[in-house]
Amino acid sequence: MHASTVALNVLDPKSLLQSFGLAAVLIIMFVETGLLVGFFFPGDSLLFLAGVAASPVATEVVGVRLPIVVLLIAVPLCAIAGAQLGHLLGARYGRRLFARPDSRIFKTEYVERAEHYFTRYGPAKAVVLARFIPVVRTFLNPVAGMLGMPAGRFLFYNVIGAVVWADGILLAGYLSARKLRDTVGAANIDKYLLPAIAVIVIVSVIPIFVEVLRNRRERRRNANHRTVVVRKRSRSSAQLHRQTKGGANNRERARQCGARSGALRSMRKLPRQAR
């Protein structure tokens, strides 16, 4: 009974904040993005509720008060460090890191999904986009290392993704805390965490998806342009072949006509007796 209660509390953002405060946020941000065992932690909901816990209504809603400035600085740093560790593990151990049988916690489809995002959107967009997708943000970091993304380039996009994701959700919770309390009541905020986070995530990734769609249209236009160019070149080659073949035929006919004309002239020059 006690074990099940602890497991439930580990997955409950409010219990984590009430029990461990700021340390819970920092540790889970590091573990969720750096260690493969951390993908089941409630990263998004914990960030949102941490933002609420830093607001003026924190004590009333969460029961604990956290410093917003420390959160905005320390949380992205822990997320960056965790992701960089995941990249390092992937680069060092490669596919051996994922060579384990499927279980209730680990499934190879998680790795395949992360690899799909990496290859589909490209390294840069995938690293930023994965921050907003649970499970993928855990596995994409070692997958990026496994697939050979340079550590320096990974760090650049890792920093961008961590700051936008972590501080964005923290500020969303911080700025909406009073409104949520007045609208749904302090006791019911937990029920609205997931819908609120879903809206935040959708709004956050809209620019990324727009960029992806723009790149896809550009690739299609380039592909169509290449197809048109190839067709034009094929037609030009066919026309040139016909012209070359026609010129060769004309030269052959001219040669044959010249040969016949030369024979006739030779015959005219012969004496009548020889004819």
C-alpha atoms as a PDB file:
ATOM      1  CA  MET A   1       0.000   0.000   0.000  1.00  0.00           C
ATOM      2  CA  HIS A   2       2.792   2.355   0.917  1.00  0.00           C
ATOM      3  CA  ALA A   3       4.672   1.607  -2.356  1.00  0.00           C
ATOM      4  CA  SER A   4       1.613   2.353  -4.475  1.00  0.00           C
ATOM      5  CA  THR A   5       1.110   5.649  -2.635  1.00  0.00           C
ATOM      6  CA  VAL A   6       4.721   6.667  -3.306  1.00  0.00           C
ATOM      7  CA  ALA A   7       4.383   5.742  -6.986  1.00  0.00           C
ATOM      8  CA  LEU A   8       1.200   7.764  -7.224  1.00  0.00           C
ATOM      9  CA  ASN A   9       2.876  10.767  -5.591  1.00  0.00           C
ATOM     10  CA  VAL A  10       5.795  10.585  -8.009  1.00  0.00           C
ATOM     11  CA  LEU A  11       3.347  11.035 -10.856  1.00  0.00           C
ATOM     12  CA  ASP A  12       1.356  13.775  -9.106  1.00  0.00           C
ATOM     13  CA  PRO A  13       2.823  17.274  -9.668  1.00  0.00           C
ATOM     14  CA  LYS A  14       1.042  18.784  -6.695  1.00  0.00           C
ATOM     15  CA  SER A  15       2.324  16.092  -4.331  1.00  0.00           C
ATOM     16  CA  LEU A  16       5.851  16.510  -5.698  1.00  0.00           C
ATOM     17  CA  LEU A  17       5.807  20.267  -5.129  1.00  0.00           C
ATOM     18  CA  GLN A  18       4.333  19.952  -1.646  1.00  0.00           C
ATOM     19  CA  SER A  19       6.869  17.273  -0.671  1.00  0.00           C
ATOM     20  CA  PHE A  20      10.092  18.481  -2.315  1.00  0.00           C
ATOM     21  CA  GLY A  21       9.431  22.036  -3.558  1.00  0.00           C
ATOM     22  CA  LEU A  22      11.953  23.516  -5.985  1.00  0.00           C
ATOM     23  CA  ALA A  23      14.202  20.441  -5.821  1.00  0.00           C
ATOM     24  CA  ALA A  24      11.437  18.297  -7.337  1.00  0.00           C
ATOM     25  CA  VAL A  25      11.187  20.561 -10.387  1.00  0.00           C
ATOM     26  CA  LEU A  26      14.936  20.729 -10.990  1.00  0.00           C
ATOM     27  CA  ILE A  27      15.594  17.013 -10.498  1.00  0.00           C
ATOM     28  CA  ILE A  28      12.703  15.887 -12.694  1.00  0.00           C
ATOM     29  CA  MET A  29      13.661  18.326 -15.466  1.00  0.00           C
ATOM     30  CA  PHE A  30      17.136  16.792 -15.492  1.00  0.00           C
ATOM     31  CA  VAL A  31      16.019  13.157 -15.233  1.00  0.00           C
ATOM     32  CA  GLU A  32      13.161  13.413 -17.736  1.00  0.00           C
ATOM     33  CA  THR A  33      15.374  14.822 -20.488  1.00  0.00           C
ATOM     34  CA  GLY A  34      18.643  13.089 -19.598  1.00  0.00           C
ATOM     35  CA  LEU A  35      17.907   9.552 -18.420  1.00  0.00           C
ATOM     36  CA  LEU A  36      15.801   7.060 -20.349  1.00  0.00           C
ATOM     37  CA  VAL A  37      13.979   6.048 -17.168  1.00  0.00           C
ATOM     38  CA  GLY A  38      12.551   9.553 -16.748  1.00  0.00           C
ATOM     39  CA  PHE A  39      10.145   9.674 -19.682  1.00  0.00           C
ATOM     40  CA  PHE A  40       7.072   8.890 -17.535  1.00  0.00           C
ATOM     41  CA  PHE A  41       7.535  11.884 -15.212  1.00  0.00           C
ATOM     42  CA  PRO A  42       4.889  14.653 -15.493  1.00  0.00           C
ATOM     43  CA  GLY A  43       7.182  17.273 -17.018  1.00  0.00           C
ATOM     44  CA  ASP A  44       4.651  19.619 -18.643  1.00  0.00           C
ATOM     45  CA  SER A  45       2.105  19.560 -15.826  1.00  0.00           C
ATOM     46  CA  LEU A  46       4.855  19.956 -13.216  1.00  0.00           C
ATOM     47  CA  LEU A  47       6.195  23.031 -15.020  1.00  0.00           C
ATOM     48  CA  PHE A  48       2.751  24.610 -15.292  1.00  0.00           C
ATOM     49  CA  LEU A  49       1.947  23.956 -11.638  1.00  0.00           C
ATOM     50  CA  ALA A  50       5.391  25.253 -10.638  1.00  0.00           C
ATOM     51  CA  GLY A  51       4.508  28.496 -12.415  1.00  0.00           C
ATOM     52  CA  VAL A  52       1.267  28.600 -10.444  1.00  0.00           C
ATOM     53  CA  ALA A  53       3.284  27.924  -7.277  1.00  0.00           C
ATOM     54  CA  ALA A  54       5.363  31.030  -7.999  1.00  0.00           C
ATOM     55  CA  SER A  55       2.311  33.282  -8.415  1.00  0.00           C
ATOM     56  CA  PRO A  56       0.625  35.457  -5.752  1.00  0.00           C
ATOM     57  CA  VAL A  57      -2.048  32.755  -5.235  1.00  0.00           C
ATOM     58  CA  ALA A  58       0.517  29.961  -4.788  1.00  0.00           C
ATOM     59  CA  THR A  59      -0.188  29.170  -1.135  1.00  0.00           C
ATOM     60  CA  GLU A  60      -3.928  29.042  -1.720  1.00  0.00           C
ATOM     61  CA  VAL A  61      -3.744  26.804  -4.786  1.00  0.00           C
ATOM     62  CA  VAL A  62      -0.644  24.618  -4.341  1.00  0.00           C
ATOM     63  CA  GLY A  63       0.215  25.032  -0.680  1.00  0.00           C
ATOM     64  CA  VAL A  64       3.826  26.031  -1.357  1.00  0.00           C
ATOM     65  CA  ARG A  65       5.528  29.154  -2.748  1.00  0.00           C
ATOM     66  CA  LEU A  66       8.440  29.009  -5.229  1.00  0.00           C
ATOM     67  CA  PRO A  67      10.658  31.896  -6.475  1.00  0.00           C
ATOM     68  CA  ILE A  68       9.800  32.694 -10.109  1.00  0.00           C
ATOM     69  CA  VAL A  69      13.228  34.173 -10.949  1.00  0.00           C
ATOM     70  CA  VAL A  70      15.052  31.072  -9.737  1.00  0.00           C
ATOM     71  CA  LEU A  71      12.642  28.874 -11.696  1.00  0.00           C
ATOM     72  CA  LEU A  72      13.128  30.824 -14.928  1.00  0.00           C
ATOM     73  CA  ILE A  73      16.917  30.452 -14.674  1.00  0.00           C
ATOM     74  CA  ALA A  74      17.478  27.083 -13.011  1.00  0.00           C
ATOM     75  CA  VAL A  75      14.817  24.987 -14.769  1.00  0.00           C
ATOM     76  CA  PRO A  76      16.123  25.575 -18.333  1.00  0.00           C
ATOM     77  CA  LEU A  77      19.683  24.936 -17.103  1.00  0.00           C
ATOM     78  CA  CYS A  78      18.660  21.543 -15.678  1.00  0.00           C
ATOM     79  CA  ALA A  79      16.741  20.704 -18.874  1.00  0.00           C
ATOM     80  CA  ILE A  80      19.776  21.665 -20.984  1.00  0.00           C
ATOM     81  CA  ALA A  81      22.165  19.625 -18.827  1.00  0.00           C
ATOM     82  CA  GLY A  82      19.879  16.594 -18.918  1.00  0.00           C
ATOM     83  CA  ALA A  83      19.456  16.683 -22.695  1.00  0.00           C
ATOM     84  CA  GLN A  84      23.191  17.148 -23.205  1.00  0.00           C
ATOM     85  CA  LEU A  85      23.824  14.092 -21.035  1.00  0.00           C
ATOM     86  CA  GLY A  86      21.347  12.104 -23.131  1.00  0.00           C
ATOM     87  CA  HIS A  87      23.167  13.174 -26.307  1.00  0.00           C
ATOM     88  CA  LEU A  88      26.502  12.151 -24.784  1.00  0.00           C
ATOM     89  CA  LEU A  89      25.161   8.692 -23.844  1.00  0.00           C
ATOM     90  CA  GLY A  90      23.756   8.196 -27.344  1.00  0.00           C
ATOM     91  CA  ALA A  91      27.021   9.241 -28.995  1.00  0.00           C
ATOM     92  CA  ARG A  92      29.085   6.987 -26.727  1.00  0.00           C
ATOM     93  CA  TYR A  93      26.984   3.811 -26.639  1.00  0.00           C
ATOM     94  CA  GLY A  94      24.962   4.047 -29.875  1.00  0.00           C
ATOM     95  CA  ARG A  95      22.203   1.510 -30.405  1.00  0.00           C
ATOM     96  CA  ARG A  96      23.501  -0.589 -27.519  1.00  0.00           C
ATOM     97  CA  LEU A  97      21.811   1.968 -25.276  1.00  0.00           C
ATOM     98  CA  PHE A  98      18.427   0.778 -26.546  1.00  0.00           C
ATOM     99  CA  ALA A  99      19.246  -2.926 -26.811  1.00  0.00           C
ATOM    100  CA  ARG A 100      16.755  -4.123 -24.245  1.00  0.00           C
ATOM    101  CA  PRO A 101      13.492  -6.083 -24.452  1.00  0.00           C
ATOM    102  CA  ASP A 102      10.144  -4.330 -24.413  1.00  0.00           C
ATOM    103  CA  SER A 103       8.533  -3.951 -21.002  1.00  0.00           C
ATOM    104  CA  ARG A 104       5.723  -2.020 -19.389  1.00  0.00           C
ATOM    105  CA  ILE A 105       8.100   0.955 -19.071  1.00  0.00           C
ATOM    106  CA  PHE A 106      10.442   0.724 -22.065  1.00  0.00           C
ATOM    107  CA  LYS A 107       9.290   0.051 -25.635  1.00  0.00           C
ATOM    108  CA  THR A 108      11.344   0.158 -28.816  1.00  0.00           C
ATOM    109  CA  GLU A 109       8.554   2.162 -30.462  1.00  0.00           C
ATOM    110  CA  TYR A 110       9.609   5.133 -28.299  1.00  0.00           C
ATOM    111  CA  VAL A 111      13.053   5.055 -29.900  1.00  0.00           C
ATOM    112  CA  GLU A 112      11.552   4.588 -33.366  1.00  0.00           C
ATOM    113  CA  ARG A 113       9.244   7.564 -32.823  1.00  0.00           C
ATOM    114  CA  ALA A 114      12.162   9.764 -31.748  1.00  0.00           C
ATOM    115  CA  GLU A 115      14.232   8.627 -34.743  1.00  0.00           C
ATOM    116  CA  HIS A 116      11.263   9.352 -37.029  1.00  0.00           C
ATOM    117  CA  TYR A 117      11.038  12.944 -35.786  1.00  0.00           C
ATOM    118  CA  PHE A 118      14.798  13.365 -36.176  1.00  0.00           C
ATOM    119  CA  THR A 119      14.869  12.163 -39.786  1.00  0.00           C
ATOM    120  CA  ARG A 120      11.571  13.768 -40.813  1.00  0.00           C
ATOM    121  CA  TYR A 121      12.117  17.307 -39.515  1.00  0.00           C
ATOM    122  CA  GLY A 122      15.900  17.420 -39.576  1.00  0.00           C
ATOM    123  CA  PRO A 123      18.216  17.707 -36.567  1.00  0.00           C
ATOM    124  CA  ALA A 124      17.632  21.387 -35.724  1.00  0.00           C
ATOM    125  CA  LYS A 125      13.826  21.412 -35.801  1.00  0.00           C
ATOM    126  CA  ALA A 126      13.603  17.987 -34.188  1.00  0.00           C
ATOM    127  CA  VAL A 127      15.629  19.019 -31.128  1.00  0.00           C
ATOM    128  CA  VAL A 128      13.434  22.100 -30.554  1.00  0.00           C
ATOM    129  CA  LEU A 129      10.138  20.433 -31.455  1.00  0.00           C
ATOM    130  CA  ALA A 130      10.768  17.367 -29.277  1.00  0.00           C
ATOM    131  CA  ARG A 131      10.716  19.527 -26.148  1.00  0.00           C
ATOM    132  CA  PHE A 132       6.967  19.857 -26.511  1.00  0.00           C
ATOM    133  CA  ILE A 133       6.260  16.164 -27.089  1.00  0.00           C
ATOM    134  CA  PRO A 134       6.257  13.851 -24.046  1.00  0.00           C
ATOM    135  CA  VAL A 135       8.375  10.682 -24.365  1.00  0.00           C
ATOM    136  CA  VAL A 136       9.973  11.991 -27.585  1.00  0.00           C
ATOM    137  CA  ARG A 137      11.848  14.688 -25.637  1.00  0.00           C
ATOM    138  CA  THR A 138      13.436  11.923 -23.535  1.00  0.00           C
ATOM    139  CA  PHE A 139      14.503   9.611 -26.340  1.00  0.00           C
ATOM    140  CA  LEU A 140      15.399  12.110 -29.058  1.00  0.00           C
ATOM    141  CA  ASN A 141      18.488  13.363 -27.209  1.00  0.00           C
ATOM    142  CA  PRO A 142      20.340  10.015 -27.212  1.00  0.00           C
ATOM    143  CA  VAL A 143      19.016   9.318 -30.716  1.00  0.00           C
ATOM    144  CA  ALA A 144      20.605  12.598 -31.881  1.00  0.00           C
ATOM    145  CA  GLY A 145      23.922  11.498 -30.406  1.00  0.00           C
ATOM    146  CA  MET A 146      23.564   8.020 -31.869  1.00  0.00           C
ATOM    147  CA  LEU A 147      22.918   9.457 -35.352  1.00  0.00           C
ATOM    148  CA  GLY A 148      26.022  11.628 -35.193  1.00  0.00           C
ATOM    149  CA  MET A 149      24.660  15.142 -34.588  1.00  0.00           C
ATOM    150  CA  PRO A 150      27.685  17.216 -33.434  1.00  0.00           C
ATOM    151  CA  ALA A 151      27.591  18.074 -29.721  1.00  0.00           C
ATOM    152  CA  GLY A 152      28.111  21.808 -30.337  1.00  0.00           C
ATOM    153  CA  ARG A 153      25.271  22.047 -32.830  1.00  0.00           C
ATOM    154  CA  PHE A 154      23.036  19.979 -30.542  1.00  0.00           C
ATOM    155  CA  LEU A 155      23.830  22.300 -27.629  1.00  0.00           C
ATOM    156  CA  PHE A 156      22.779  25.370 -29.638  1.00  0.00           C
ATOM    157  CA  TYR A 157      19.312  24.022 -30.439  1.00  0.00           C
ATOM    158  CA  ASN A 158      19.096  22.334 -27.046  1.00  0.00           C
ATOM    159  CA  VAL A 159      19.388  25.745 -25.364  1.00  0.00           C
ATOM    160  CA  ILE A 160      16.724  27.270 -27.628  1.00  0.00           C
ATOM    161  CA  GLY A 161      14.293  24.414 -27.061  1.00  0.00           C
ATOM    162  CA  ALA A 162      14.842  24.276 -23.300  1.00  0.00           C
ATOM    163  CA  VAL A 163      14.348  28.016 -22.748  1.00  0.00           C
ATOM    164  CA  VAL A 164      11.250  28.259 -24.961  1.00  0.00           C
ATOM    165  CA  TRP A 165       9.652  25.133 -23.514  1.00  0.00           C
ATOM    166  CA  ALA A 166      10.476  25.464 -19.813  1.00  0.00           C
ATOM    167  CA  ASP A 167      10.110  29.224 -19.391  1.00  0.00           C
ATOM    168  CA  GLY A 168       7.098  29.330 -21.700  1.00  0.00           C
ATOM    169  CA  ILE A 169       5.104  26.838 -19.628  1.00  0.00           C
ATOM    170  CA  LEU A 170       6.331  28.318 -16.340  1.00  0.00           C
ATOM    171  CA  LEU A 171       5.183  31.798 -17.367  1.00  0.00           C
ATOM    172  CA  ALA A 172       1.887  30.426 -18.650  1.00  0.00           C
ATOM    173  CA  GLY A 173       1.167  28.953 -15.210  1.00  0.00           C
ATOM    174  CA  TYR A 174       2.420  32.045 -13.416  1.00  0.00           C
ATOM    175  CA  LEU A 175       0.375  34.513 -15.476  1.00  0.00           C
ATOM    176  CA  SER A 176      -2.841  32.479 -15.563  1.00  0.00           C
ATOM    177  CA  ALA A 177      -2.877  31.347 -11.928  1.00  0.00           C
ATOM    178  CA  ARG A 178      -5.148  34.078 -10.562  1.00  0.00           C
ATOM    179  CA  LYS A 179      -7.533  33.816 -13.520  1.00  0.00           C
ATOM    180  CA  LEU A 180      -7.762  30.037 -13.147  1.00  0.00           C
ATOM    181  CA  ARG A 181      -8.420  30.338  -9.421  1.00  0.00           C
ATOM    182  CA  ASP A 182     -11.187  32.877  -9.977  1.00  0.00           C
ATOM    183  CA  THR A 183     -12.718  30.842 -12.823  1.00  0.00           C
ATOM    184  CA  VAL A 184     -12.576  27.213 -11.671  1.00  0.00           C
ATOM    185  CA  GLY A 185     -11.616  27.544  -8.019  1.00  0.00           C
ATOM    186  CA  ALA A 186      -8.394  26.670  -6.253  1.00  0.00           C
ATOM    187  CA  ALA A 187      -9.443  23.059  -5.570  1.00  0.00           C
ATOM    188  CA  ASN A 188     -10.247  22.349  -9.237  1.00  0.00           C
ATOM    189  CA  ILE A 189      -7.135  23.716 -10.957  1.00  0.00           C
ATOM    190  CA  ASP A 190      -5.620  20.227 -11.130  1.00  0.00           C
ATOM    191  CA  LYS A 191      -8.473  19.092 -13.385  1.00  0.00           C
ATOM    192  CA  TYR A 192      -7.668  21.786 -15.941  1.00  0.00           C
ATOM    193  CA  LEU A 193      -3.902  21.300 -16.037  1.00  0.00           C
ATOM    194  CA  LEU A 194      -3.799  18.939 -19.030  1.00  0.00           C
ATOM    195  CA  PRO A 195      -6.196  20.971 -21.254  1.00  0.00           C
ATOM    196  CA  ALA A 196      -4.305  24.166 -20.413  1.00  0.00           C
ATOM    197  CA  ILE A 197      -0.952  22.552 -21.199  1.00  0.00           C
ATOM    198  CA  ALA A 198      -2.340  21.089 -24.440  1.00  0.00           C
ATOM    199  CA  VAL A 199      -3.354  24.595 -25.578  1.00  0.00           C
ATOM    200  CA  ILE A 200       0.065  25.972 -24.614  1.00  0.00           C
ATOM    201  CA  VAL A 201       1.882  23.225 -26.493  1.00  0.00           C
ATOM    202  CA  ILE A 202      -0.268  23.661 -29.612  1.00  0.00           C
ATOM    203  CA  VAL A 203       0.258  27.430 -29.655  1.00  0.00           C
ATOM    204  CA  SER A 204       3.985  26.984 -29.027  1.00  0.00           C
ATOM    205  CA  VAL A 205       4.583  24.550 -31.875  1.00  0.00           C
ATOM    206  CA  ILE A 206       2.454  26.372 -34.476  1.00  0.00           C
ATOM    207  CA  PRO A 207       5.479  28.393 -35.766  1.00  0.00           C
ATOM    208  CA  ILE A 208       7.507  25.192 -36.041  1.00  0.00           C
ATOM    209  CA  PHE A 209       4.793  23.400 -38.001  1.00  0.00           C
ATOM    210  CA  VAL A 210       4.369  26.443 -40.244  1.00  0.00           C
ATOM    211  CA  GLU A 211       8.084  26.347 -40.984  1.00  0.00           C
ATOM    212  CA  VAL A 212       7.936  22.608 -41.641  1.00  0.00           C
ATOM    213  CA  LEU A 213       4.999  23.053 -44.057  1.00  0.00           C
ATOM    214  CA  ARG A 214       6.816  25.918 -45.785  1.00  0.00           C
ATOM    215  CA  ASN A 215       9.896  23.749 -46.254  1.00  0.00           C
ATOM    216  CA  ARG A 216       7.763  20.894 -47.548  1.00  0.00           C
ATOM    217  CA  ARG A 217       6.091  23.145 -50.136  1.00  0.00           C
ATOM    218  CA  GLU A 218       9.495  24.471 -51.136  1.00  0.00           C
ATOM    219  CA  ARG A 219      10.802  20.929 -51.620  1.00  0.00           C
ATOM    220  CA  ARG A 220       7.755  20.074 -53.733  1.00  0.00           C
ATOM    221  CA  ARG A 221       8.252  23.160 -55.874  1.00  0.00           C
ATOM    222  CA  ASN A 222      11.915  22.295 -56.337  1.00  0.00           C
ATOM    223  CA  ALA A 223      11.001  18.705 -57.198  1.00  0.00           C
ATOM    224  CA  ASN A 224       8.426  19.896 -59.746  1.00  0.00           C
ATOM    225  CA  HIS A 225      10.947  22.327 -61.202  1.00  0.00           C
ATOM    226  CA  ARG A 226      13.524  19.565 -61.539  1.00  0.00           C
ATOM    227  CA  THR A 227      10.915  17.360 -63.219  1.00  0.00           C
ATOM    228  CA  VAL A 228      10.083  20.110 -65.720  1.00  0.00           C
ATOM    229  CA  VAL A 229      13.780  20.699 -66.412  1.00  0.00           C
ATOM    230  CA  VAL A 230      14.374  16.980 -66.951  1.00  0.00           C
ATOM    231  CA  ARG A 231      11.424  16.797 -69.343  1.00  0.00           C
ATOM    232  CA  LYS A 232      12.652  19.810 -71.283  1.00  0.00           C
ATOM    233  CA  ARG A 233      16.118  18.306 -71.500  1.00  0.00           C
ATOM    234  CA  SER A 234      14.632  15.013 -72.657  1.00  0.00           C
ATOM    235  CA  ARG A 235      12.642  16.780 -75.373  1.00  0.00           C
ATOM    236  CA  SER A 236      15.696  18.788 -76.413  1.00  0.00           C
ATOM    237  CA  SER A 237      17.793  15.634 -76.567  1.00  0.00           C
ATOM    238  CA  ALA A 238      15.140  13.903 -78.646  1.00  0.00           C
ATOM    239  CA  GLN A 239      14.926  16.851 -81.035  1.00  0.00           C
ATOM    240  CA  LEU A 240      18.716  17.022 -81.294  1.00  0.00           C
ATOM    241  CA  HIS A 241      18.823  13.287 -81.956  1.00  0.00           C
ATOM    242  CA  ARG A 242      16.223  13.621 -84.706  1.00  0.00           C
ATOM    243  CA  GLN A 243      18.067  16.577 -86.209  1.00  0.00           C
ATOM    244  CA  THR A 244      21.372  14.725 -86.067  1.00  0.00           C
ATOM    245  CA  LYS A 245      19.809  11.648 -87.591  1.00  0.00           C
ATOM    246  CA  GLY A 246      18.111  13.772 -90.290  1.00  0.00           C
ATOM    247  CA  GLY A 247      21.402  15.539 -91.063  1.00  0.00           C
ATOM    248  CA  ALA A 248      23.179  12.219 -91.380  1.00  0.00           C
ATOM    249  CA  ASN A 249      20.479  10.949 -93.750  1.00  0.00           C
ATOM    250  CA  ASN A 250      20.742  14.116 -95.816  1.00  0.00           C
ATOM    251  CA  ARG A 251      24.512  13.772 -96.042  1.00  0.00           C
ATOM    252  CA  GLU A 252      24.163  10.138 -97.101  1.00  0.00           C
ATOM    253  CA  ARG A 253      21.651  11.031 -99.807  1.00  0.00           C
ATOM    254  CA  ALA A 254      23.906  13.866-100.993  1.00  0.00           C
ATOM    255  CA  ARG A 255      26.855  11.487-101.119  1.00  0.00           C
ATOM    256  CA  GLN A 256      24.851   8.964-103.119  1.00  0.00           C
ATOM    257  CA  CYS A 257      23.626  11.653-105.525  1.00  0.00           C
ATOM    258  CA  GLY A 258      27.174  12.943-105.932  1.00  0.00           C
ATOM    259  CA  ALA A 259      28.392   9.426-106.683  1.00  0.00           C
ATOM    260  CA  ARG A 260      25.725   8.936-109.353  1.00  0.00           C
ATOM    261  CA  SER A 261      26.480  12.335-110.916  1.00  0.00           C
ATOM    262  CA  GLY A 262      30.184  11.511-111.027  1.00  0.00           C
ATOM    263  CA  ALA A 263      29.455   8.182-112.721  1.00  0.00           C
ATOM    264  CA  LEU A 264      27.327   9.883-115.379  1.00  0.00           C
ATOM    265  CA  ARG A 265      30.045  12.445-116.098  1.00  0.00           C
ATOM    266  CA  SER A 266      32.612   9.699-116.459  1.00  0.00           C
ATOM    267  CA  MET A 267      30.400   7.838-118.863  1.00  0.00           C
ATOM    268  CA  ARG A 268      29.966  10.949-121.047  1.00  0.00           C
ATOM    269  CA  LYS A 269      33.733  11.332-121.390  1.00  0.00           C
ATOM    270  CA  LEU A 270      34.232   7.787-122.710  1.00  0.00           C
ATOM    271  CA  PRO A 271      34.620   7.392-126.545  1.00  0.00           C
ATOM    272  CA  ARG A 272      31.634   6.087-128.397  1.00  0.00           C
ATOM    273  CA  GLN A 273      33.457   2.836-129.263  1.00  0.00           C
ATOM    274  CA  ALA A 274      34.057   2.146-125.594  1.00  0.00           C
ATOM    275  CA  ARG A 275      30.404   2.638-124.915  1.00  0.00           C
END
